[in-house]
PDB file of N, CA and C in Angstrom:
ATOM      1  N   MET A   1     152.812 282.949 241.661  1.00  0.00           N
ATOM      2  CA  MET A   1     153.735 283.447 240.614  1.00  0.00           C
ATOM      3  C   MET A   1     154.302 283.887 238.994  1.00  0.00           C
ATOM      4  N   LEU A   2     152.269 283.471 238.499  1.00  0.00           N
ATOM      5  CA  LEU A   2     152.206 284.787 237.175  1.00  0.00           C
ATOM      6  C   LEU A   2     152.362 286.330 237.683  1.00  0.00           C
ATOM      7  N   GLU A   3     151.501 286.521 238.529  1.00  0.00           N
ATOM      8  CA  GLU A   3     151.860 287.551 238.991  1.00  0.00           C
ATOM      9  C   GLU A   3     153.097 288.467 239.066  1.00  0.00           C
ATOM     10  N   LYS A   4     153.807 287.715 239.505  1.00  0.00           N
ATOM     11  CA  LYS A   4     155.968 288.163 239.972  1.00  0.00           C
ATOM     12  C   LYS A   4     155.950 288.588 238.428  1.00  0.00           C
ATOM     13  N   ALA A   5     155.937 286.969 237.379  1.00  0.00           N
ATOM     14  CA  ALA A   5     156.295 287.198 236.331  1.00  0.00           C
ATOM     15  C   ALA A   5     156.218 289.042 235.543  1.00  0.00           C
ATOM     16  N   LEU A   6     153.985 288.685 235.463  1.00  0.00           N
ATOM     17  CA  LEU A   6     154.386 290.352 234.501  1.00  0.00           C
ATOM     18  C   LEU A   6     154.332 291.046 235.378  1.00  0.00           C
ATOM     19  N   GLN A   7     154.920 291.486 236.553  1.00  0.00           N
ATOM     20  CA  GLN A   7     155.224 291.953 237.550  1.00  0.00           C
ATOM     21  C   GLN A   7     156.881 293.003 236.686  1.00  0.00           C
ATOM     22  N   ARG A   8     157.385 291.718 236.823  1.00  0.00           N
ATOM     23  CA  ARG A   8     158.553 290.956 236.600  1.00  0.00           C
ATOM     24  C   ARG A   8     158.520 291.765 234.762  1.00  0.00           C
ATOM     25  N   ASP A   9     158.420 291.156 234.318  1.00  0.00           N
ATOM     26  CA  ASP A   9     158.415 291.744 232.541  1.00  0.00           C
ATOM     27  C   ASP A   9     157.858 293.868 232.606  1.00  0.00           C
ATOM     28  N   ALA A  10     157.078 294.027 233.452  1.00  0.00           N
ATOM     29  CA  ALA A  10     156.318 295.425 233.206  1.00  0.00           C
ATOM     30  C   ALA A  10     157.169 296.175 234.016  1.00  0.00           C
ATOM     31  N   GLU A  11     158.729 295.737 234.869  1.00  0.00           N
ATOM     32  CA  GLU A  11     159.867 296.694 235.090  1.00  0.00           C
ATOM     33  C   GLU A  11     160.830 296.782 233.980  1.00  0.00           C
ATOM     34  N   ALA A  12     160.812 295.634 233.026  1.00  0.00           N
ATOM     35  CA  ALA A  12     161.973 295.743 232.346  1.00  0.00           C
ATOM     36  C   ALA A  12     161.503 295.686 231.139  1.00  0.00           C
ATOM     37  N   ARG A  13     160.309 296.598 231.033  1.00  0.00           N
ATOM     38  CA  ARG A  13     159.925 296.908 229.988  1.00  0.00           C
ATOM     39  C   ARG A  13     158.777 297.374 229.544  1.00  0.00           C
ATOM     40  N   PRO A  14     158.783 299.056 230.196  1.00  0.00           N
ATOM     41  CA  PRO A  14     158.176 299.889 230.410  1.00  0.00           C
ATOM     42  C   PRO A  14     157.444 300.220 229.332  1.00  0.00           C
ATOM     43  N   PHE A  15     158.413 300.094 228.011  1.00  0.00           N
ATOM     44  CA  PHE A  15     158.043 300.650 227.207  1.00  0.00           C
ATOM     45  C   PHE A  15     156.561 300.219 226.517  1.00  0.00           C
ATOM     46  N   GLU A  16     156.264 298.713 226.771  1.00  0.00           N
ATOM     47  CA  GLU A  16     155.172 297.915 226.893  1.00  0.00           C
ATOM     48  C   GLU A  16     154.029 299.124 227.144  1.00  0.00           C
ATOM     49  N   LYS A  17     153.599 299.332 228.599  1.00  0.00           N
ATOM     50  CA  LYS A  17     152.808 300.484 228.769  1.00  0.00           C
ATOM     51  C   LYS A  17     152.468 301.765 228.062  1.00  0.00           C
ATOM     52  N   GLU A  18     153.517 302.714 227.800  1.00  0.00           N
ATOM     53  CA  GLU A  18     153.435 303.755 226.718  1.00  0.00           C
ATOM     54  C   GLU A  18     152.603 302.789 224.901  1.00  0.00           C
ATOM     55  N   LEU A  19     153.499 301.607 224.427  1.00  0.00           N
ATOM     56  CA  LEU A  19     152.732 301.915 223.235  1.00  0.00           C
ATOM     57  C   LEU A  19     151.610 301.109 223.369  1.00  0.00           C
ATOM     58  N   LYS A  20     150.551 300.608 224.539  1.00  0.00           N
ATOM     59  CA  LYS A  20     150.240 300.409 224.671  1.00  0.00           C
ATOM     60  C   LYS A  20     148.729 301.471 224.388  1.00  0.00           C
ATOM     61  N   LYS A  21     149.536 302.701 225.967  1.00  0.00           N
ATOM     62  CA  LYS A  21     149.367 303.676 225.937  1.00  0.00           C
ATOM     63  C   LYS A  21     148.552 304.433 224.796  1.00  0.00           C
ATOM     64  N   LEU A  22     149.162 304.718 224.488  1.00  0.00           N
ATOM     65  CA  LEU A  22     149.076 305.081 222.268  1.00  0.00           C
ATOM     66  C   LEU A  22     148.447 304.827 221.904  1.00  0.00           C
ATOM     67  N   GLY A  23     148.388 303.233 221.704  1.00  0.00           N
ATOM     68  CA  GLY A  23     147.352 302.501 221.163  1.00  0.00           C
ATOM     69  C   GLY A  23     146.362 302.869 221.696  1.00  0.00           C
ATOM     70  N   GLU A  24     145.249 302.647 223.006  1.00  0.00           N
ATOM     71  CA  GLU A  24     144.618 303.106 223.472  1.00  0.00           C
ATOM     72  C   GLU A  24     144.094 304.672 221.774  1.00  0.00           C
ATOM     73  N   ILE A  25     144.898 305.237 222.234  1.00  0.00           N
ATOM     74  CA  ILE A  25     144.655 306.536 221.514  1.00  0.00           C
ATOM     75  C   ILE A  25     144.324 306.939 220.393  1.00  0.00           C
ATOM     76  N   VAL A  26     144.984 305.875 219.743  1.00  0.00           N
ATOM     77  CA  VAL A  26     144.837 306.444 218.008  1.00  0.00           C
ATOM     78  C   VAL A  26     143.238 305.089 217.923  1.00  0.00           C
ATOM     79  N   MET A  27     143.297 304.640 218.758  1.00  0.00           N
ATOM     80  CA  MET A  27     142.324 303.360 218.512  1.00  0.00           C
ATOM     81  C   MET A  27     140.745 303.943 218.502  1.00  0.00           C
ATOM     82  N   ALA A  28     141.720 305.186 219.589  1.00  0.00           N
ATOM     83  CA  ALA A  28     139.731 306.168 219.921  1.00  0.00           C
ATOM     84  C   ALA A  28     139.737 307.728 219.012  1.00  0.00           C
ATOM     85  N   ASP A  29     140.720 307.296 218.629  1.00  0.00           N
ATOM     86  CA  ASP A  29     140.349 308.877 217.376  1.00  0.00           C
ATOM     87  C   ASP A  29     140.335 308.888 215.523  1.00  0.00           C
ATOM     88  N   GLN A  30     139.443 308.144 215.270  1.00  0.00           N
ATOM     89  CA  GLN A  30     139.573 307.820 213.149  1.00  0.00           C
ATOM     90  C   GLN A  30     140.873 308.539 213.194  1.00  0.00           C
ATOM     91  N   ASN A  31     140.334 309.900 213.689  1.00  0.00           N
ATOM     92  CA  ASN A  31     141.890 310.644 212.777  1.00  0.00           C
ATOM     93  C   ASN A  31     142.849 310.773 212.024  1.00  0.00           C
ATOM     94  N   LEU A  32     143.364 310.120 213.503  1.00  0.00           N
ATOM     95  CA  LEU A  32     144.628 310.007 214.063  1.00  0.00           C
ATOM     96  C   LEU A  32     145.006 307.880 212.961  1.00  0.00           C
ATOM     97  N   LEU A  33     143.473 307.391 212.650  1.00  0.00           N
ATOM     98  CA  LEU A  33     143.848 305.995 212.432  1.00  0.00           C
ATOM     99  C   LEU A  33     144.142 306.917 210.857  1.00  0.00           C
ATOM    100  N   ASP A  34     143.611 307.689 210.579  1.00  0.00           N
ATOM    101  CA  ASP A  34     143.423 308.124 208.758  1.00  0.00           C
ATOM    102  C   ASP A  34     144.984 309.086 208.168  1.00  0.00           C
ATOM    103  N   ARG A  35     145.723 309.369 209.482  1.00  0.00           N
ATOM    104  CA  ARG A  35     146.866 310.629 209.651  1.00  0.00           C
ATOM    105  C   ARG A  35     147.564 308.789 208.905  1.00  0.00           C
ATOM    106  N   LEU A  36     147.213 307.794 210.020  1.00  0.00           N
ATOM    107  CA  LEU A  36     149.096 307.042 209.758  1.00  0.00           C
ATOM    108  C   LEU A  36     148.535 306.017 208.454  1.00  0.00           C
ATOM    109  N   ASP A  37     147.245 305.720 208.171  1.00  0.00           N
ATOM    110  CA  ASP A  37     146.880 305.617 206.925  1.00  0.00           C
ATOM    111  C   ASP A  37     147.551 306.168 206.010  1.00  0.00           C
ATOM    112  N   THR A  38     147.828 307.353 206.049  1.00  0.00           N
ATOM    113  CA  THR A  38     148.180 307.465 204.811  1.00  0.00           C
ATOM    114  C   THR A  38     149.526 308.164 204.684  1.00  0.00           C
ATOM    115  N   THR A  39     150.155 307.954 205.576  1.00  0.00           N
ATOM    116  CA  THR A  39     151.750 307.073 205.207  1.00  0.00           C
ATOM    117  C   THR A  39     152.128 306.589 204.062  1.00  0.00           C
ATOM    118  N   PRO A  40     153.227 306.314 203.521  1.00  0.00           N
ATOM    119  CA  PRO A  40     153.724 305.941 202.269  1.00  0.00           C
ATOM    120  C   PRO A  40     154.435 304.272 202.701  1.00  0.00           C
ATOM    121  N   THR A  41     154.902 304.497 203.644  1.00  0.00           N
ATOM    122  CA  THR A  41     156.831 303.893 203.710  1.00  0.00           C
ATOM    123  C   THR A  41     156.536 303.027 205.240  1.00  0.00           C
ATOM    124  N   LYS A  42     157.346 302.763 204.997  1.00  0.00           N
ATOM    125  CA  LYS A  42     157.479 302.321 206.969  1.00  0.00           C
ATOM    126  C   LYS A  42     158.231 303.354 207.775  1.00  0.00           C
ATOM    127  N   SER A  43     159.340 304.059 206.497  1.00  0.00           N
ATOM    128  CA  SER A  43     159.771 304.559 207.773  1.00  0.00           C
ATOM    129  C   SER A  43     158.498 305.920 208.885  1.00  0.00           C
ATOM    130  N   ALA A  44     158.104 306.806 207.607  1.00  0.00           N
ATOM    131  CA  ALA A  44     156.999 307.249 207.422  1.00  0.00           C
ATOM    132  C   ALA A  44     155.831 306.802 208.812  1.00  0.00           C
ATOM    133  N   PHE A  45     155.917 305.908 208.543  1.00  0.00           N
ATOM    134  CA  PHE A  45     154.999 305.667 209.299  1.00  0.00           C
ATOM    135  C   PHE A  45     155.004 305.538 211.291  1.00  0.00           C
ATOM    136  N   ILE A  46     156.576 305.197 211.001  1.00  0.00           N
ATOM    137  CA  ILE A  46     157.391 304.817 212.612  1.00  0.00           C
ATOM    138  C   ILE A  46     157.631 306.217 213.301  1.00  0.00           C
ATOM    139  N   ASP A  47     157.752 307.175 211.904  1.00  0.00           N
ATOM    140  CA  ASP A  47     157.905 308.623 212.215  1.00  0.00           C
ATOM    141  C   ASP A  47     156.870 309.349 213.167  1.00  0.00           C
ATOM    142  N   MET A  48     155.546 309.509 212.066  1.00  0.00           N
ATOM    143  CA  MET A  48     154.668 309.518 212.346  1.00  0.00           C
ATOM    144  C   MET A  48     154.066 309.405 213.604  1.00  0.00           C
ATOM    145  N   TYR A  49     153.828 307.568 214.346  1.00  0.00           N
ATOM    146  CA  TYR A  49     153.879 307.337 214.868  1.00  0.00           C
ATOM    147  C   TYR A  49     155.065 307.868 216.311  1.00  0.00           C
ATOM    148  N   CYS A  50     155.947 307.513 216.418  1.00  0.00           N
ATOM    149  CA  CYS A  50     156.866 307.935 217.517  1.00  0.00           C
ATOM    150  C   CYS A  50     156.356 309.474 217.278  1.00  0.00           C
ATOM    151  N   ASP A  51     155.926 310.669 216.846  1.00  0.00           N
ATOM    152  CA  ASP A  51     155.971 312.638 217.416  1.00  0.00           C
ATOM    153  C   ASP A  51     154.471 311.786 216.996  1.00  0.00           C
ATOM    154  N   LEU A  52     153.822 311.288 217.301  1.00  0.00           N
ATOM    155  CA  LEU A  52     152.652 311.473 218.255  1.00  0.00           C
ATOM    156  C   LEU A  52     152.334 310.551 219.219  1.00  0.00           C
ATOM    157  N   ALA A  53     153.161 309.735 219.864  1.00  0.00           N
ATOM    158  CA  ALA A  53     153.757 309.480 220.669  1.00  0.00           C
ATOM    159  C   ALA A  53     154.048 310.660 222.251  1.00  0.00           C
ATOM    160  N   LYS A  54     155.264 311.438 221.055  1.00  0.00           N
ATOM    161  CA  LYS A  54     155.711 312.607 221.758  1.00  0.00           C
ATOM    162  C   LYS A  54     155.119 313.518 222.087  1.00  0.00           C
ATOM    163  N   GLU A  55     154.197 314.098 221.200  1.00  0.00           N
ATOM    164  CA  GLU A  55     152.801 314.728 221.422  1.00  0.00           C
ATOM    165  C   GLU A  55     152.396 315.189 222.584  1.00  0.00           C
ATOM    166  N   ARG A  56     152.119 313.438 222.466  1.00  0.00           N
ATOM    167  CA  ARG A  56     150.742 313.370 223.700  1.00  0.00           C
ATOM    168  C   ARG A  56     152.540 313.075 225.328  1.00  0.00           C
ATOM    169  N   ASN A  57     153.376 313.092 225.220  1.00  0.00           N
ATOM    170  CA  ASN A  57     153.853 313.070 226.971  1.00  0.00           C
ATOM    171  C   ASN A  57     153.801 311.022 227.122  1.00  0.00           C
ATOM    172  N   ILE A  58     154.157 310.825 225.886  1.00  0.00           N
ATOM    173  CA  ILE A  58     153.560 309.174 225.667  1.00  0.00           C
ATOM    174  C   ILE A  58     155.532 308.914 225.893  1.00  0.00           C
ATOM    175  N   HIS A  59     156.466 307.874 225.693  1.00  0.00           N
ATOM    176  CA  HIS A  59     157.818 307.764 225.214  1.00  0.00           C
ATOM    177  C   HIS A  59     158.209 306.237 225.524  1.00  0.00           C
ATOM    178  N   PHE A  60     158.661 305.935 224.476  1.00  0.00           N
ATOM    179  CA  PHE A  60     159.084 304.786 223.757  1.00  0.00           C
ATOM    180  C   PHE A  60     159.934 304.769 222.648  1.00  0.00           C
ATOM    181  N   SER A  61     160.456 304.661 221.456  1.00  0.00           N
ATOM    182  CA  SER A  61     162.196 304.909 221.423  1.00  0.00           C
ATOM    183  C   SER A  61     161.655 304.053 219.805  1.00  0.00           C
ATOM    184  N   LYS A  62     162.121 304.034 218.979  1.00  0.00           N
ATOM    185  CA  LYS A  62     161.692 303.006 217.388  1.00  0.00           C
ATOM    186  C   LYS A  62     162.097 301.558 217.532  1.00  0.00           C
ATOM    187  N   ALA A  63     163.293 302.134 218.630  1.00  0.00           N
ATOM    188  CA  ALA A  63     163.543 300.837 218.449  1.00  0.00           C
ATOM    189  C   ALA A  63     162.604 300.103 219.190  1.00  0.00           C
ATOM    190  N   ASP A  64     162.127 300.146 220.217  1.00  0.00           N
ATOM    191  CA  ASP A  64     160.800 299.924 220.859  1.00  0.00           C
ATOM    192  C   ASP A  64     159.606 299.703 220.389  1.00  0.00           C
ATOM    193  N   LEU A  65     159.299 299.730 219.477  1.00  0.00           N
ATOM    194  CA  LEU A  65     158.021 300.223 218.515  1.00  0.00           C
ATOM    195  C   LEU A  65     159.013 298.779 217.334  1.00  0.00           C
ATOM    196  N   LEU A  66     160.080 298.712 217.523  1.00  0.00           N
ATOM    197  CA  LEU A  66     159.822 297.986 216.600  1.00  0.00           C
ATOM    198  C   LEU A  66     160.436 296.253 216.680  1.00  0.00           C
ATOM    199  N   ILE A  67     160.659 296.241 217.716  1.00  0.00           N
ATOM    200  CA  ILE A  67     161.007 295.062 218.705  1.00  0.00           C
ATOM    201  C   ILE A  67     159.192 294.362 219.019  1.00  0.00           C
ATOM    202  N   ALA A  68     158.409 296.014 219.457  1.00  0.00           N
ATOM    203  CA  ALA A  68     156.796 295.192 219.583  1.00  0.00           C
ATOM    204  C   ALA A  68     156.689 294.823 218.287  1.00  0.00           C
ATOM    205  N   VAL A  69     156.465 295.174 217.163  1.00  0.00           N
ATOM    206  CA  VAL A  69     156.290 294.780 216.203  1.00  0.00           C
ATOM    207  C   VAL A  69     156.560 293.241 215.490  1.00  0.00           C
ATOM    208  N   GLN A  70     158.471 292.714 215.926  1.00  0.00           N
ATOM    209  CA  GLN A  70     158.498 291.872 215.495  1.00  0.00           C
ATOM    210  C   GLN A  70     158.680 290.458 216.192  1.00  0.00           C
ATOM    211  N   GLU A  71     157.068 290.994 217.867  1.00  0.00           N
ATOM    212  CA  GLU A  71     157.681 289.979 218.632  1.00  0.00           C
ATOM    213  C   GLU A  71     155.561 289.510 217.621  1.00  0.00           C
ATOM    214  N   GLN A  72     155.599 290.978 217.718  1.00  0.00           N
ATOM    215  CA  GLN A  72     153.502 290.594 216.823  1.00  0.00           C
ATOM    216  C   GLN A  72     153.696 289.514 215.652  1.00  0.00           C
ATOM    217  N   LYS A  73     154.573 290.267 215.417  1.00  0.00           N
ATOM    218  CA  LYS A  73     155.035 288.851 214.252  1.00  0.00           C
ATOM    219  C   LYS A  73     155.206 287.665 214.169  1.00  0.00           C
ATOM    220  N   HIS A  74     155.445 287.747 215.202  1.00  0.00           N
ATOM    221  CA  HIS A  74     155.209 286.180 215.906  1.00  0.00           C
ATOM    222  C   HIS A  74     154.305 285.601 216.670  1.00  0.00           C
ATOM    223  N   GLY A  75     153.701 286.093 216.637  1.00  0.00           N
ATOM    224  CA  GLY A  75     151.978 285.699 217.688  1.00  0.00           C
ATOM    225  C   GLY A  75     152.390 286.422 219.050  1.00  0.00           C
ATOM    226  N   LYS A  76     153.871 287.185 219.539  1.00  0.00           N
ATOM    227  CA  LYS A  76     154.056 287.168 221.109  1.00  0.00           C
ATOM    228  C   LYS A  76     153.658 288.753 221.270  1.00  0.00           C
ATOM    229  N   ASP A  77     152.822 288.472 222.788  1.00  0.00           N
ATOM    230  CA  ASP A  77     153.272 290.330 223.418  1.00  0.00           C
ATOM    231  C   ASP A  77     151.792 291.047 222.681  1.00  0.00           C
ATOM    232  N   TRP A  78     150.964 290.806 222.046  1.00  0.00           N
ATOM    233  CA  TRP A  78     149.942 291.514 222.043  1.00  0.00           C
ATOM    234  C   TRP A  78     150.226 292.498 222.281  1.00  0.00           C
ATOM    235  N   ILE A  79     150.786 294.076 221.940  1.00  0.00           N
ATOM    236  CA  ILE A  79     150.419 295.401 223.202  1.00  0.00           C
ATOM    237  C   ILE A  79     150.061 296.214 221.693  1.00  0.00           C
ATOM    238  N   ILE A  80     150.289 296.286 220.350  1.00  0.00           N
ATOM    239  CA  ILE A  80     150.125 297.217 219.371  1.00  0.00           C
ATOM    240  C   ILE A  80     148.531 296.756 219.067  1.00  0.00           C
ATOM    241  N   PRO A  81     147.617 296.846 218.672  1.00  0.00           N
ATOM    242  CA  PRO A  81     145.987 297.235 218.360  1.00  0.00           C
ATOM    243  C   PRO A  81     146.881 296.383 217.298  1.00  0.00           C
ATOM    244  N   LYS A  82     145.377 295.478 217.111  1.00  0.00           N
ATOM    245  CA  LYS A  82     145.669 294.490 215.223  1.00  0.00           C
ATOM    246  C   LYS A  82     145.700 295.791 214.320  1.00  0.00           C
ATOM    247  N   LYS A  83     144.478 295.829 214.668  1.00  0.00           N
ATOM    248  CA  LYS A  83     144.269 297.315 213.072  1.00  0.00           C
ATOM    249  C   LYS A  83     146.083 297.991 213.172  1.00  0.00           C
ATOM    250  N   ILE A  84     146.112 298.603 214.246  1.00  0.00           N
ATOM    251  CA  ILE A  84     147.597 299.486 213.820  1.00  0.00           C
ATOM    252  C   ILE A  84     148.975 298.013 213.352  1.00  0.00           C
ATOM    253  N   LEU A  85     148.437 297.797 213.993  1.00  0.00           N
ATOM    254  CA  LEU A  85     150.103 296.484 213.149  1.00  0.00           C
ATOM    255  C   LEU A  85     149.203 296.657 212.020  1.00  0.00           C
ATOM    256  N   ARG A  86     148.316 296.018 210.733  1.00  0.00           N
ATOM    257  CA  ARG A  86     148.522 295.843 210.000  1.00  0.00           C
ATOM    258  C   ARG A  86     148.564 297.250 209.008  1.00  0.00           C
ATOM    259  N   MET A  87     148.364 297.753 209.471  1.00  0.00           N
ATOM    260  CA  MET A  87     149.155 299.536 208.901  1.00  0.00           C
ATOM    261  C   MET A  87     150.929 299.261 208.569  1.00  0.00           C
ATOM    262  N   ILE A  88     151.644 299.293 209.831  1.00  0.00           N
ATOM    263  CA  ILE A  88     152.190 298.791 209.775  1.00  0.00           C
ATOM    264  C   ILE A  88     153.259 297.456 208.368  1.00  0.00           C
ATOM    265  N   MET A  89     151.872 296.016 209.091  1.00  0.00           N
ATOM    266  CA  MET A  89     153.108 295.472 208.333  1.00  0.00           C
ATOM    267  C   MET A  89     152.707 295.575 206.384  1.00  0.00           C
ATOM    268  N   ASP A  90     151.406 296.107 206.442  1.00  0.00           N
ATOM    269  CA  ASP A  90     151.346 296.602 204.986  1.00  0.00           C
ATOM    270  C   ASP A  90     152.877 297.297 204.590  1.00  0.00           C
ATOM    271  N   ARG A  91     153.479 298.024 205.510  1.00  0.00           N
ATOM    272  CA  ARG A  91     154.876 298.958 204.538  1.00  0.00           C
ATOM    273  C   ARG A  91     155.973 298.216 205.217  1.00  0.00           C
ATOM    274  N   PHE A  92     156.006 296.558 205.523  1.00  0.00           N
ATOM    275  CA  PHE A  92     157.708 296.719 205.925  1.00  0.00           C
ATOM    276  C   PHE A  92     157.550 295.393 204.472  1.00  0.00           C
TER     277      PHE A  92
END
């Protein structure tokens, strides 16, 4: 039953897999983390995060990213690494 629920969620929210993929890439590269950390505003951070995704052929929208951030603020669906989420939260 749990397996079916996980499959349903993966199919209904494909952006989660993409967000996780970018999070893993960014967490493995200190230069990318440093670049993100230099963004002064929420808008600049979101733009850069989405640009990093596009450069790596990873697909999600700004709206998808904001959905994930809002859900994680409420302790749900941890798909963005906590370090990156803290950077985002500092700018909100």
